[in-house]
Amino acid sequence: MRDSTRRRGIRDCVADSPEMVGSEIVVIEKRD
């Protein structure tokens, strides 16, 4: 349930803070 929540949380955060999302997106792409 953490993987699904982090992926959705990042997309929702994009509209809130695109700067923090860019950093988390990189981690998710590398983890994939």
N, C-alpha and C. Protein backbone atom coordinates (compact mmCIF):
# COMPACT_ATOMS: atom_id res chain seq x y z
N MET A 1 0.87 -1.21 0.00
CA MET A 1 0.00 0.00 0.00
C MET A 1 0.91 1.26 0.00
N ARG A 2 2.11 1.13 0.32
CA ARG A 2 3.01 2.37 0.36
C ARG A 2 3.41 2.71 -1.09
N ASP A 3 3.58 1.70 -1.86
CA ASP A 3 4.01 2.02 -3.27
C ASP A 3 2.88 2.78 -3.99
N SER A 4 1.68 2.31 -3.81
CA SER A 4 0.54 2.98 -4.51
C SER A 4 0.32 4.38 -3.92
N THR A 5 0.44 4.48 -2.65
CA THR A 5 0.22 5.84 -2.02
C THR A 5 1.34 6.79 -2.45
N ARG A 6 2.50 6.35 -2.59
CA ARG A 6 3.66 7.31 -2.94
C ARG A 6 3.47 7.72 -4.40
N ARG A 7 3.09 6.81 -5.17
CA ARG A 7 2.95 7.19 -6.65
C ARG A 7 1.82 8.20 -6.79
N ARG A 8 0.77 7.99 -6.09
CA ARG A 8 -0.41 8.97 -6.23
C ARG A 8 -0.02 10.25 -5.50
N GLY A 9 0.60 10.09 -4.37
CA GLY A 9 0.97 11.32 -3.62
C GLY A 9 1.87 12.21 -4.48
N ILE A 10 2.75 11.64 -5.18
CA ILE A 10 3.69 12.48 -6.00
C ILE A 10 2.89 13.21 -7.09
N ARG A 11 1.99 12.55 -7.66
CA ARG A 11 1.20 13.22 -8.80
C ARG A 11 0.38 14.36 -8.20
N ASP A 12 -0.18 14.12 -7.06
CA ASP A 12 -1.00 15.20 -6.41
C ASP A 12 -0.07 16.32 -5.95
N CYS A 13 1.10 15.98 -5.59
CA CYS A 13 2.06 17.01 -5.08
C CYS A 13 2.55 17.86 -6.26
N VAL A 14 2.51 17.33 -7.41
CA VAL A 14 3.02 18.11 -8.60
C VAL A 14 2.33 19.47 -8.64
N ALA A 15 1.05 19.49 -8.38
CA ALA A 15 0.33 20.79 -8.44
C ALA A 15 0.65 21.60 -7.18
N ASP A 16 0.99 20.91 -6.12
CA ASP A 16 1.30 21.65 -4.85
C ASP A 16 2.74 22.18 -4.88
N SER A 17 3.70 21.33 -5.14
CA SER A 17 5.12 21.79 -5.18
C SER A 17 5.86 21.04 -6.28
N PRO A 18 5.91 21.58 -7.44
CA PRO A 18 6.59 20.93 -8.59
C PRO A 18 8.09 20.75 -8.29
N GLU A 19 8.62 21.55 -7.45
CA GLU A 19 10.09 21.42 -7.16
C GLU A 19 10.36 20.12 -6.38
N MET A 20 9.58 19.86 -5.40
CA MET A 20 9.80 18.62 -4.56
C MET A 20 9.41 17.39 -5.40
N VAL A 21 8.46 17.55 -6.24
CA VAL A 21 8.02 16.39 -7.07
C VAL A 21 9.14 15.98 -8.01
N GLY A 22 9.77 16.96 -8.63
CA GLY A 22 10.89 16.63 -9.57
C GLY A 22 11.90 15.72 -8.86
N SER A 23 12.17 15.98 -7.64
CA SER A 23 13.19 15.16 -6.91
C SER A 23 12.61 13.77 -6.62
N GLU A 24 11.36 13.70 -6.25
CA GLU A 24 10.77 12.35 -5.91
C GLU A 24 10.54 11.58 -7.22
N ILE A 25 10.20 12.27 -8.26
CA ILE A 25 9.95 11.55 -9.55
C ILE A 25 11.24 10.83 -9.98
N VAL A 26 12.34 11.50 -9.81
CA VAL A 26 13.64 10.88 -10.22
C VAL A 26 13.85 9.60 -9.41
N VAL A 27 13.54 9.65 -8.16
CA VAL A 27 13.77 8.44 -7.30
C VAL A 27 12.83 7.32 -7.76
N ILE A 28 11.63 7.67 -8.08
CA ILE A 28 10.66 6.61 -8.51
C ILE A 28 11.10 6.03 -9.85
N GLU A 29 11.54 6.88 -10.74
CA GLU A 29 11.97 6.36 -12.09
C GLU A 29 13.20 5.47 -11.91
N LYS A 30 14.07 5.81 -11.03
CA LYS A 30 15.31 4.98 -10.82
C LYS A 30 14.90 3.68 -10.11
N ARG A 31 13.91 3.76 -9.30
CA ARG A 31 13.49 2.52 -8.51
C ARG A 31 12.76 1.59 -9.47
N ASP A 32 12.08 2.15 -10.39
CA ASP A 32 11.33 1.28 -11.34
C ASP A 32 12.35 0.47 -12.11
